[in-house]
């Protein structure tokens, strides 16, 4: 039930974010000290949360709500059973979403009787001072509360399915061991064409087999050894999705072995120089996206 408050002008409105005040008081000092000054200045006396207008203004801010979300995600992540750093996953990964849903964990603490509701807190003497919970105590509680909460909402099954069927969207753009492992498994079961070979953009000639025939590049090849740095840094599908329709057409023709002149003729360019510029632009964009250098600024592109 929302908490109502009488404003300075006499109107009565909902006290925004008031339900998270007990949750704030449960956050260890080590976490609070990493927050902006406005948060670090929040009081520990119960009464000021309901009577001091400067405090109320901070409680109703998005900054305060972000603190609750981020602090509880940080505290519960080690007990979700995902492994690895939370920062390595994106906001689409199910465990990340659960971790950043503080309502689950706050309700778990209330159900366990270790956290009062905002209404109960407001009914206490305004002079009561609430001391910090130690990081060790909070960790011990969450090691118990998180598994119970997960079972209550069938989270383990969801997290396990997400782990088994990983996708590109599960990972943050930064390098991580989890992302590298995923890319290796992914590309070892996909076609060679799925890699988007920048080397082939520069030199489109396909390799030949022992009989002098061009190798088929669309068949799955479980032996393909993808360069670790590129695999760890680049989400090829996302890069391709960001290209224009014409750039994707140039890319597909180039990867199929067409010369610059042939591409120009097929796509209606006056000459091959326009195609050359587009390929160099695609390559440079890919380098920037991947955070690597493949020589598109200086290296000559084969005709």
C-alpha atoms as a PDB file:
ATOM      1  CA  UNK A   1       0.000   0.000   0.000  1.00  0.00           C
ATOM      2  CA  UNK A   2       1.487   3.382  -0.979  1.00  0.00           C
ATOM      3  CA  UNK A   3       2.475   5.847   1.741  1.00  0.00           C
ATOM      4  CA  UNK A   4       0.696   9.193   1.521  1.00  0.00           C
ATOM      5  CA  UNK A   5       2.301  12.494   2.492  1.00  0.00           C
ATOM      6  CA  UNK A   6       1.003  16.000   3.104  1.00  0.00           C
ATOM      7  CA  UNK A   7       3.044  18.406   1.002  1.00  0.00           C
ATOM      8  CA  UNK A   8       4.088  21.959   1.867  1.00  0.00           C
ATOM      9  CA  UNK A   9       1.156  23.359  -0.103  1.00  0.00           C
ATOM     10  CA  UNK A  10      -1.306  21.161   1.818  1.00  0.00           C
ATOM     11  CA  UNK A  11      -1.925  18.625  -0.951  1.00  0.00           C
ATOM     12  CA  UNK A  12      -1.750  14.928  -0.145  1.00  0.00           C
ATOM     13  CA  UNK A  13       0.156  12.759  -2.591  1.00  0.00           C
ATOM     14  CA  UNK A  14       2.014   9.461  -2.697  1.00  0.00           C
ATOM     15  CA  UNK A  15       5.469   9.462  -1.119  1.00  0.00           C
ATOM     16  CA  UNK A  16       7.476   8.133  -4.045  1.00  0.00           C
ATOM     17  CA  UNK A  17      10.036   5.377  -3.280  1.00  0.00           C
ATOM     18  CA  UNK A  18       9.114   5.412   0.428  1.00  0.00           C
ATOM     19  CA  UNK A  19       8.638   1.636   0.352  1.00  0.00           C
ATOM     20  CA  UNK A  20      12.402   1.327  -0.247  1.00  0.00           C
ATOM     21  CA  UNK A  21      13.502   3.248   2.867  1.00  0.00           C
ATOM     22  CA  UNK A  22      13.913   0.067   4.968  1.00  0.00           C
ATOM     23  CA  UNK A  23      15.861  -1.434   2.072  1.00  0.00           C
ATOM     24  CA  UNK A  24      18.163   1.582   2.054  1.00  0.00           C
ATOM     25  CA  UNK A  25      18.851   1.219   5.777  1.00  0.00           C
ATOM     26  CA  UNK A  26      19.883  -2.402   5.164  1.00  0.00           C
ATOM     27  CA  UNK A  27      22.631  -1.496   2.655  1.00  0.00           C
ATOM     28  CA  UNK A  28      26.132  -1.836   4.182  1.00  0.00           C
ATOM     29  CA  UNK A  29      28.226   1.294   4.664  1.00  0.00           C
ATOM     30  CA  UNK A  30      30.907  -0.018   2.275  1.00  0.00           C
ATOM     31  CA  UNK A  31      28.403   0.236  -0.569  1.00  0.00           C
ATOM     32  CA  UNK A  32      26.936   3.587   0.510  1.00  0.00           C
ATOM     33  CA  UNK A  33      30.409   5.161   0.579  1.00  0.00           C
ATOM     34  CA  UNK A  34      30.755   4.486  -3.154  1.00  0.00           C
ATOM     35  CA  UNK A  35      27.606   6.474  -3.917  1.00  0.00           C
ATOM     36  CA  UNK A  36      27.210  10.172  -4.877  1.00  0.00           C
ATOM     37  CA  UNK A  37      27.330  12.762  -2.079  1.00  0.00           C
ATOM     38  CA  UNK A  38      23.538  13.157  -2.001  1.00  0.00           C
ATOM     39  CA  UNK A  39      23.136   9.519  -1.024  1.00  0.00           C
ATOM     40  CA  UNK A  40      25.998   9.561   1.481  1.00  0.00           C
ATOM     41  CA  UNK A  41      24.342  12.504   3.244  1.00  0.00           C
ATOM     42  CA  UNK A  42      21.108  10.635   3.887  1.00  0.00           C
ATOM     43  CA  UNK A  43      20.412  10.350   7.636  1.00  0.00           C
ATOM     44  CA  UNK A  44      20.111   7.276   9.817  1.00  0.00           C
ATOM     45  CA  UNK A  45      17.423   8.760  12.093  1.00  0.00           C
ATOM     46  CA  UNK A  46      14.041   7.266  11.217  1.00  0.00           C
ATOM     47  CA  UNK A  47      12.070  10.492  11.692  1.00  0.00           C
ATOM     48  CA  UNK A  48      13.993  12.496   9.103  1.00  0.00           C
ATOM     49  CA  UNK A  49      12.864  10.184   6.308  1.00  0.00           C
ATOM     50  CA  UNK A  50       9.286  11.301   6.940  1.00  0.00           C
ATOM     51  CA  UNK A  51       9.715  14.903   8.151  1.00  0.00           C
ATOM     52  CA  UNK A  52      12.837  16.424   6.601  1.00  0.00           C
ATOM     53  CA  UNK A  53      12.075  17.849   3.143  1.00  0.00           C
ATOM     54  CA  UNK A  54      15.672  17.660   1.913  1.00  0.00           C
ATOM     55  CA  UNK A  55      15.750  13.969   2.780  1.00  0.00           C
ATOM     56  CA  UNK A  56      12.344  13.376   1.222  1.00  0.00           C
ATOM     57  CA  UNK A  57      13.495  15.038  -2.009  1.00  0.00           C
ATOM     58  CA  UNK A  58      16.421  12.601  -2.282  1.00  0.00           C
ATOM     59  CA  UNK A  59      14.230   9.594  -1.466  1.00  0.00           C
ATOM     60  CA  UNK A  60      11.863  10.522  -4.295  1.00  0.00           C
ATOM     61  CA  UNK A  61      14.671  10.920  -6.831  1.00  0.00           C
ATOM     62  CA  UNK A  62      15.684   8.461  -9.529  1.00  0.00           C
ATOM     63  CA  UNK A  63      19.166   8.495  -7.995  1.00  0.00           C
ATOM     64  CA  UNK A  64      17.814   6.866  -4.835  1.00  0.00           C
ATOM     65  CA  UNK A  65      15.869   4.256  -6.795  1.00  0.00           C
ATOM     66  CA  UNK A  66      18.956   3.447  -8.886  1.00  0.00           C
ATOM     67  CA  UNK A  67      20.919   2.936  -5.667  1.00  0.00           C
ATOM     68  CA  UNK A  68      18.414   0.392  -4.378  1.00  0.00           C
ATOM     69  CA  UNK A  69      18.416  -1.503  -7.688  1.00  0.00           C
ATOM     70  CA  UNK A  70      22.194  -1.558  -8.092  1.00  0.00           C
ATOM     71  CA  UNK A  71      23.044  -2.241  -4.439  1.00  0.00           C
ATOM     72  CA  UNK A  72      20.722  -5.224  -4.164  1.00  0.00           C
ATOM     73  CA  UNK A  73      21.877  -6.606  -7.511  1.00  0.00           C
ATOM     74  CA  UNK A  74      25.458  -6.421  -6.228  1.00  0.00           C
ATOM     75  CA  UNK A  75      24.580  -8.166  -2.967  1.00  0.00           C
ATOM     76  CA  UNK A  76      22.535 -11.024  -4.430  1.00  0.00           C
ATOM     77  CA  UNK A  77      24.542 -11.806  -7.581  1.00  0.00           C
ATOM     78  CA  UNK A  78      27.064 -14.170  -5.906  1.00  0.00           C
ATOM     79  CA  UNK A  79      24.193 -16.426  -4.781  1.00  0.00           C
ATOM     80  CA  UNK A  80      22.290 -16.731  -8.081  1.00  0.00           C
ATOM     81  CA  UNK A  81      24.521 -19.577  -9.256  1.00  0.00           C
ATOM     82  CA  UNK A  82      25.487 -17.941 -12.538  1.00  0.00           C
ATOM     83  CA  UNK A  83      29.210 -17.579 -11.915  1.00  0.00           C
ATOM     84  CA  UNK A  84      31.423 -14.821 -13.213  1.00  0.00           C
ATOM     85  CA  UNK A  85      31.119 -11.080 -12.880  1.00  0.00           C
ATOM     86  CA  UNK A  86      27.679  -9.525 -13.201  1.00  0.00           C
ATOM     87  CA  UNK A  87      29.126  -6.698 -15.297  1.00  0.00           C
ATOM     88  CA  UNK A  88      30.017  -9.171 -18.069  1.00  0.00           C
ATOM     89  CA  UNK A  89      26.361  -9.825 -18.831  1.00  0.00           C
ATOM     90  CA  UNK A  90      23.840  -7.554 -20.498  1.00  0.00           C
ATOM     91  CA  UNK A  91      20.476  -6.341 -19.259  1.00  0.00           C
ATOM     92  CA  UNK A  92      18.797  -9.047 -21.368  1.00  0.00           C
ATOM     93  CA  UNK A  93      20.296 -11.982 -19.450  1.00  0.00           C
ATOM     94  CA  UNK A  94      17.633 -13.513 -17.130  1.00  0.00           C
ATOM     95  CA  UNK A  95      19.849 -13.727 -14.036  1.00  0.00           C
ATOM     96  CA  UNK A  96      20.861 -10.084 -14.546  1.00  0.00           C
ATOM     97  CA  UNK A  97      17.185  -9.121 -14.739  1.00  0.00           C
ATOM     98  CA  UNK A  98      16.389 -11.051 -11.548  1.00  0.00           C
ATOM     99  CA  UNK A  99      19.344  -9.492  -9.726  1.00  0.00           C
ATOM    100  CA  UNK A 100      18.158  -5.997 -10.680  1.00  0.00           C
ATOM    101  CA  UNK A 101      14.608  -6.632  -9.463  1.00  0.00           C
ATOM    102  CA  UNK A 102      14.952  -5.585  -5.795  1.00  0.00           C
ATOM    103  CA  UNK A 103      11.337  -6.342  -4.953  1.00  0.00           C
ATOM    104  CA  UNK A 104      12.099 -10.072  -4.901  1.00  0.00           C
ATOM    105  CA  UNK A 105      14.949  -9.755  -2.419  1.00  0.00           C
ATOM    106  CA  UNK A 106      13.354  -7.107  -0.222  1.00  0.00           C
ATOM    107  CA  UNK A 107      10.211  -9.213   0.120  1.00  0.00           C
ATOM    108  CA  UNK A 108      12.417 -12.189   0.975  1.00  0.00           C
ATOM    109  CA  UNK A 109      14.045 -10.214   3.794  1.00  0.00           C
ATOM    110  CA  UNK A 110      10.634  -9.101   5.047  1.00  0.00           C
ATOM    111  CA  UNK A 111       9.288 -12.659   4.919  1.00  0.00           C
ATOM    112  CA  UNK A 112      12.283 -13.751   6.986  1.00  0.00           C
ATOM    113  CA  UNK A 113      11.450 -11.085   9.567  1.00  0.00           C
ATOM    114  CA  UNK A 114      14.740  -9.188   9.263  1.00  0.00           C
ATOM    115  CA  UNK A 115      13.381  -6.064   7.541  1.00  0.00           C
ATOM    116  CA  UNK A 116      10.328  -3.986   8.532  1.00  0.00           C
ATOM    117  CA  UNK A 117       7.913  -2.423   6.064  1.00  0.00           C
ATOM    118  CA  UNK A 118       8.004   1.326   5.483  1.00  0.00           C
ATOM    119  CA  UNK A 119       4.768   1.678   7.463  1.00  0.00           C
ATOM    120  CA  UNK A 120       6.285  -0.155  10.420  1.00  0.00           C
ATOM    121  CA  UNK A 121       9.402   1.981  10.188  1.00  0.00           C
ATOM    122  CA  UNK A 122       7.322   5.165  10.134  1.00  0.00           C
ATOM    123  CA  UNK A 123       5.494   4.134  13.278  1.00  0.00           C
ATOM    124  CA  UNK A 124       8.719   4.027  15.308  1.00  0.00           C
ATOM    125  CA  UNK A 125       9.980   6.887  17.438  1.00  0.00           C
ATOM    126  CA  UNK A 126      11.479   9.528  15.110  1.00  0.00           C
ATOM    127  CA  UNK A 127      14.611   9.693  17.272  1.00  0.00           C
ATOM    128  CA  UNK A 128      15.586   6.080  16.658  1.00  0.00           C
ATOM    129  CA  UNK A 129      18.966   5.763  14.963  1.00  0.00           C
ATOM    130  CA  UNK A 130      19.480   2.780  12.646  1.00  0.00           C
ATOM    131  CA  UNK A 131      23.081   1.606  12.516  1.00  0.00           C
ATOM    132  CA  UNK A 132      24.673   0.096   9.414  1.00  0.00           C
ATOM    133  CA  UNK A 133      24.404  -3.597   8.683  1.00  0.00           C
ATOM    134  CA  UNK A 134      27.868  -5.070   8.128  1.00  0.00           C
ATOM    135  CA  UNK A 135      28.734  -6.395   4.695  1.00  0.00           C
ATOM    136  CA  UNK A 136      29.478  -9.772   6.263  1.00  0.00           C
ATOM    137  CA  UNK A 137      26.065  -9.948   7.933  1.00  0.00           C
ATOM    138  CA  UNK A 138      24.275  -8.894   4.749  1.00  0.00           C
ATOM    139  CA  UNK A 139      26.180 -11.516   2.740  1.00  0.00           C
ATOM    140  CA  UNK A 140      25.314 -14.217   5.238  1.00  0.00           C
ATOM    141  CA  UNK A 141      21.630 -13.316   5.067  1.00  0.00           C
ATOM    142  CA  UNK A 142      21.543 -13.223   1.281  1.00  0.00           C
ATOM    143  CA  UNK A 143      23.298 -16.590   1.054  1.00  0.00           C
ATOM    144  CA  UNK A 144      20.194 -17.920   2.806  1.00  0.00           C
ATOM    145  CA  UNK A 145      17.473 -15.630   1.387  1.00  0.00           C
ATOM    146  CA  UNK A 146      18.429 -15.762  -2.307  1.00  0.00           C
ATOM    147  CA  UNK A 147      18.116 -19.563  -2.766  1.00  0.00           C
ATOM    148  CA  UNK A 148      14.737 -19.539  -0.986  1.00  0.00           C
ATOM    149  CA  UNK A 149      13.471 -16.673  -3.134  1.00  0.00           C
ATOM    150  CA  UNK A 150      14.725 -18.323  -6.300  1.00  0.00           C
ATOM    151  CA  UNK A 151      12.882 -21.540  -5.481  1.00  0.00           C
ATOM    152  CA  UNK A 152       9.716 -19.597  -4.687  1.00  0.00           C
ATOM    153  CA  UNK A 153       9.645 -18.051  -8.170  1.00  0.00           C
ATOM    154  CA  UNK A 154      11.132 -21.006 -10.122  1.00  0.00           C
ATOM    155  CA  UNK A 155      14.214 -18.948 -10.976  1.00  0.00           C
ATOM    156  CA  UNK A 156      16.744 -21.836 -11.038  1.00  0.00           C
ATOM    157  CA  UNK A 157      14.993 -23.467 -14.001  1.00  0.00           C
ATOM    158  CA  UNK A 158      14.901 -20.191 -15.930  1.00  0.00           C
ATOM    159  CA  UNK A 159      18.559 -19.444 -15.251  1.00  0.00           C
ATOM    160  CA  UNK A 160      19.571 -22.979 -16.252  1.00  0.00           C
ATOM    161  CA  UNK A 161      17.683 -22.731 -19.560  1.00  0.00           C
ATOM    162  CA  UNK A 162      19.337 -19.378 -20.250  1.00  0.00           C
ATOM    163  CA  UNK A 163      22.745 -20.883 -19.507  1.00  0.00           C
ATOM    164  CA  UNK A 164      22.089 -23.816 -21.844  1.00  0.00           C
ATOM    165  CA  UNK A 165      20.799 -21.655 -24.695  1.00  0.00           C
ATOM    166  CA  UNK A 166      23.086 -18.637 -24.563  1.00  0.00           C
ATOM    167  CA  UNK A 167      22.746 -15.926 -27.220  1.00  0.00           C
ATOM    168  CA  UNK A 168      24.694 -12.829 -28.197  1.00  0.00           C
ATOM    169  CA  UNK A 169      22.296 -10.538 -26.357  1.00  0.00           C
ATOM    170  CA  UNK A 170      23.193 -12.145 -23.018  1.00  0.00           C
ATOM    171  CA  UNK A 171      26.632 -10.514 -22.976  1.00  0.00           C
ATOM    172  CA  UNK A 172      27.932  -7.023 -22.399  1.00  0.00           C
ATOM    173  CA  UNK A 173      30.110  -5.457 -25.107  1.00  0.00           C
ATOM    174  CA  UNK A 174      33.267  -5.831 -22.999  1.00  0.00           C
ATOM    175  CA  UNK A 175      35.639  -8.782 -23.191  1.00  0.00           C
ATOM    176  CA  UNK A 176      35.079 -11.586 -20.701  1.00  0.00           C
ATOM    177  CA  UNK A 177      35.949 -15.254 -20.356  1.00  0.00           C
ATOM    178  CA  UNK A 178      32.260 -16.154 -20.433  1.00  0.00           C
ATOM    179  CA  UNK A 179      31.807 -14.289 -23.700  1.00  0.00           C
ATOM    180  CA  UNK A 180      34.908 -15.880 -25.224  1.00  0.00           C
ATOM    181  CA  UNK A 181      33.714 -19.378 -24.293  1.00  0.00           C
ATOM    182  CA  UNK A 182      30.299 -18.674 -25.771  1.00  0.00           C
ATOM    183  CA  UNK A 183      31.732 -17.382 -29.047  1.00  0.00           C
ATOM    184  CA  UNK A 184      33.971 -20.430 -29.394  1.00  0.00           C
ATOM    185  CA  UNK A 185      31.066 -22.825 -28.900  1.00  0.00           C
ATOM    186  CA  UNK A 186      28.828 -20.767 -31.183  1.00  0.00           C
ATOM    187  CA  UNK A 187      31.222 -20.489 -34.106  1.00  0.00           C
ATOM    188  CA  UNK A 188      32.343 -24.093 -33.897  1.00  0.00           C
ATOM    189  CA  UNK A 189      28.802 -25.127 -34.780  1.00  0.00           C
ATOM    190  CA  UNK A 190      28.010 -22.495 -37.399  1.00  0.00           C
ATOM    191  CA  UNK A 191      29.089 -22.078 -40.981  1.00  0.00           C
ATOM    192  CA  UNK A 192      32.370 -20.408 -41.859  1.00  0.00           C
ATOM    193  CA  UNK A 193      30.419 -17.645 -43.591  1.00  0.00           C
ATOM    194  CA  UNK A 194      28.910 -16.635 -40.247  1.00  0.00           C
ATOM    195  CA  UNK A 195      32.296 -15.325 -39.105  1.00  0.00           C
ATOM    196  CA  UNK A 196      32.325 -12.356 -41.490  1.00  0.00           C
ATOM    197  CA  UNK A 197      35.947 -12.654 -42.635  1.00  0.00           C
ATOM    198  CA  UNK A 198      37.455  -9.185 -42.850  1.00  0.00           C
ATOM    199  CA  UNK A 199      40.506 -10.746 -44.464  1.00  0.00           C
ATOM    200  CA  UNK A 200      38.230 -11.892 -47.268  1.00  0.00           C
ATOM    201  CA  UNK A 201      36.986  -8.335 -47.734  1.00  0.00           C
ATOM    202  CA  UNK A 202      40.563  -7.305 -48.401  1.00  0.00           C
ATOM    203  CA  UNK A 203      41.402 -10.382 -50.491  1.00  0.00           C
ATOM    204  CA  UNK A 204      38.232 -12.131 -51.682  1.00  0.00           C
ATOM    205  CA  UNK A 205      39.817 -15.155 -53.388  1.00  0.00           C
ATOM    206  CA  UNK A 206      38.562 -18.350 -51.806  1.00  0.00           C
ATOM    207  CA  UNK A 207      40.938 -21.127 -50.818  1.00  0.00           C
ATOM    208  CA  UNK A 208      41.180 -24.151 -53.081  1.00  0.00           C
ATOM    209  CA  UNK A 209      41.194 -27.786 -52.103  1.00  0.00           C
ATOM    210  CA  UNK A 210      43.687 -30.410 -53.283  1.00  0.00           C
ATOM    211  CA  UNK A 211      41.834 -30.786 -56.610  1.00  0.00           C
ATOM    212  CA  UNK A 212      41.962 -27.073 -57.328  1.00  0.00           C
ATOM    213  CA  UNK A 213      38.263 -26.554 -56.597  1.00  0.00           C
ATOM    214  CA  UNK A 214      37.004 -23.692 -54.463  1.00  0.00           C
ATOM    215  CA  UNK A 215      36.043 -24.746 -50.961  1.00  0.00           C
ATOM    216  CA  UNK A 216      32.365 -24.549 -50.080  1.00  0.00           C
ATOM    217  CA  UNK A 217      32.018 -21.800 -47.445  1.00  0.00           C
ATOM    218  CA  UNK A 218      28.437 -22.476 -46.407  1.00  0.00           C
ATOM    219  CA  UNK A 219      28.883 -25.940 -44.903  1.00  0.00           C
ATOM    220  CA  UNK A 220      29.356 -26.354 -41.155  1.00  0.00           C
ATOM    221  CA  UNK A 221      32.987 -26.878 -40.234  1.00  0.00           C
ATOM    222  CA  UNK A 222      33.506 -27.984 -36.620  1.00  0.00           C
ATOM    223  CA  UNK A 223      37.275 -27.667 -37.066  1.00  0.00           C
ATOM    224  CA  UNK A 224      37.244 -23.917 -37.735  1.00  0.00           C
ATOM    225  CA  UNK A 225      39.633 -22.128 -35.370  1.00  0.00           C
ATOM    226  CA  UNK A 226      38.338 -18.608 -34.788  1.00  0.00           C
ATOM    227  CA  UNK A 227      40.868 -16.022 -33.653  1.00  0.00           C
ATOM    228  CA  UNK A 228      40.343 -15.502 -29.900  1.00  0.00           C
ATOM    229  CA  UNK A 229      40.653 -11.735 -29.906  1.00  0.00           C
ATOM    230  CA  UNK A 230      38.101 -11.260 -32.688  1.00  0.00           C
ATOM    231  CA  UNK A 231      35.698 -13.830 -31.285  1.00  0.00           C
ATOM    232  CA  UNK A 232      35.865 -12.299 -27.804  1.00  0.00           C
ATOM    233  CA  UNK A 233      35.315  -8.747 -29.006  1.00  0.00           C
ATOM    234  CA  UNK A 234      32.864  -8.911 -31.917  1.00  0.00           C
ATOM    235  CA  UNK A 235      29.204  -9.754 -32.178  1.00  0.00           C
ATOM    236  CA  UNK A 236      28.971 -10.250 -35.930  1.00  0.00           C
ATOM    237  CA  UNK A 237      25.212 -10.415 -36.133  1.00  0.00           C
ATOM    238  CA  UNK A 238      24.792  -7.075 -34.391  1.00  0.00           C
ATOM    239  CA  UNK A 239      27.362  -5.463 -36.655  1.00  0.00           C
ATOM    240  CA  UNK A 240      25.620  -6.729 -39.780  1.00  0.00           C
ATOM    241  CA  UNK A 241      22.237  -5.569 -38.495  1.00  0.00           C
ATOM    242  CA  UNK A 242      23.606  -2.033 -38.256  1.00  0.00           C
ATOM    243  CA  UNK A 243      24.658  -1.870 -41.912  1.00  0.00           C
ATOM    244  CA  UNK A 244      22.549  -0.324 -44.644  1.00  0.00           C
ATOM    245  CA  UNK A 245      20.870  -2.613 -47.181  1.00  0.00           C
ATOM    246  CA  UNK A 246      23.356  -1.579 -49.873  1.00  0.00           C
ATOM    247  CA  UNK A 247      26.355  -2.174 -47.609  1.00  0.00           C
ATOM    248  CA  UNK A 248      25.082  -5.646 -46.766  1.00  0.00           C
ATOM    249  CA  UNK A 249      24.659  -6.336 -50.487  1.00  0.00           C
ATOM    250  CA  UNK A 250      28.260  -5.212 -51.139  1.00  0.00           C
ATOM    251  CA  UNK A 251      29.458  -7.359 -48.270  1.00  0.00           C
ATOM    252  CA  UNK A 252      27.627 -10.475 -49.458  1.00  0.00           C
ATOM    253  CA  UNK A 253      28.888 -10.079 -53.024  1.00  0.00           C
ATOM    254  CA  UNK A 254      32.434  -9.480 -51.856  1.00  0.00           C
ATOM    255  CA  UNK A 255      32.382 -12.512 -49.570  1.00  0.00           C
ATOM    256  CA  UNK A 256      31.069 -14.536 -52.507  1.00  0.00           C
ATOM    257  CA  UNK A 257      34.240 -13.703 -54.434  1.00  0.00           C
ATOM    258  CA  UNK A 258      33.045 -10.935 -56.779  1.00  0.00           C
ATOM    259  CA  UNK A 259      35.517  -8.321 -57.953  1.00  0.00           C
ATOM    260  CA  UNK A 260      35.052  -4.617 -57.294  1.00  0.00           C
ATOM    261  CA  UNK A 261      34.084  -4.062 -60.930  1.00  0.00           C
ATOM    262  CA  UNK A 262      31.485  -6.848 -60.820  1.00  0.00           C
ATOM    263  CA  UNK A 263      29.948  -5.437 -57.651  1.00  0.00           C
ATOM    264  CA  UNK A 264      29.846  -1.948 -59.165  1.00  0.00           C
ATOM    265  CA  UNK A 265      28.052  -3.268 -62.231  1.00  0.00           C
ATOM    266  CA  UNK A 266      25.533  -5.307 -60.221  1.00  0.00           C
ATOM    267  CA  UNK A 267      24.685  -2.464 -57.833  1.00  0.00           C
ATOM    268  CA  UNK A 268      24.670   0.389 -60.335  1.00  0.00           C
ATOM    269  CA  UNK A 269      27.861   2.238 -59.387  1.00  0.00           C
ATOM    270  CA  UNK A 270      29.536   4.276 -62.143  1.00  0.00           C
ATOM    271  CA  UNK A 271      32.874   2.630 -61.417  1.00  0.00           C
ATOM    272  CA  UNK A 272      34.557   0.429 -58.839  1.00  0.00           C
ATOM    273  CA  UNK A 273      35.988   3.334 -56.796  1.00  0.00           C
ATOM    274  CA  UNK A 274      32.623   3.875 -55.124  1.00  0.00           C
ATOM    275  CA  UNK A 275      32.527   0.218 -54.097  1.00  0.00           C
ATOM    276  CA  UNK A 276      36.102   0.460 -52.848  1.00  0.00           C
ATOM    277  CA  UNK A 277      35.198   3.403 -50.614  1.00  0.00           C
ATOM    278  CA  UNK A 278      32.189   1.558 -49.209  1.00  0.00           C
ATOM    279  CA  UNK A 279      34.239  -1.564 -48.450  1.00  0.00           C
ATOM    280  CA  UNK A 280      36.909   0.491 -46.715  1.00  0.00           C
ATOM    281  CA  UNK A 281      34.189   2.269 -44.716  1.00  0.00           C
ATOM    282  CA  UNK A 282      32.628  -1.084 -43.730  1.00  0.00           C
ATOM    283  CA  UNK A 283      36.015  -2.438 -42.692  1.00  0.00           C
ATOM    284  CA  UNK A 284      36.894   0.638 -40.626  1.00  0.00           C
ATOM    285  CA  UNK A 285      33.468   0.520 -38.956  1.00  0.00           C
ATOM    286  CA  UNK A 286      34.070  -3.145 -38.149  1.00  0.00           C
ATOM    287  CA  UNK A 287      37.481  -2.318 -36.651  1.00  0.00           C
ATOM    288  CA  UNK A 288      35.934   0.372 -34.465  1.00  0.00           C
ATOM    289  CA  UNK A 289      33.089  -1.918 -33.429  1.00  0.00           C
ATOM    290  CA  UNK A 290      35.436  -4.780 -32.583  1.00  0.00           C
ATOM    291  CA  UNK A 291      38.139  -2.665 -30.992  1.00  0.00           C
ATOM    292  CA  UNK A 292      40.796  -4.194 -33.242  1.00  0.00           C
ATOM    293  CA  UNK A 293      42.968  -3.088 -36.166  1.00  0.00           C
ATOM    294  CA  UNK A 294      42.910  -5.052 -39.415  1.00  0.00           C
ATOM    295  CA  UNK A 295      44.636  -2.534 -41.665  1.00  0.00           C
ATOM    296  CA  UNK A 296      41.717  -1.059 -43.599  1.00  0.00           C
ATOM    297  CA  UNK A 297      43.140   2.428 -43.298  1.00  0.00           C
ATOM    298  CA  UNK A 298      46.392   1.559 -45.099  1.00  0.00           C
ATOM    299  CA  UNK A 299      46.111  -1.908 -46.648  1.00  0.00           C
ATOM    300  CA  UNK A 300      45.360  -2.093 -50.340  1.00  0.00           C
ATOM    301  CA  UNK A 301      42.158  -3.926 -51.171  1.00  0.00           C
ATOM    302  CA  UNK A 302      42.398  -6.460 -54.007  1.00  0.00           C
ATOM    303  CA  UNK A 303      40.370  -5.678 -57.102  1.00  0.00           C
END
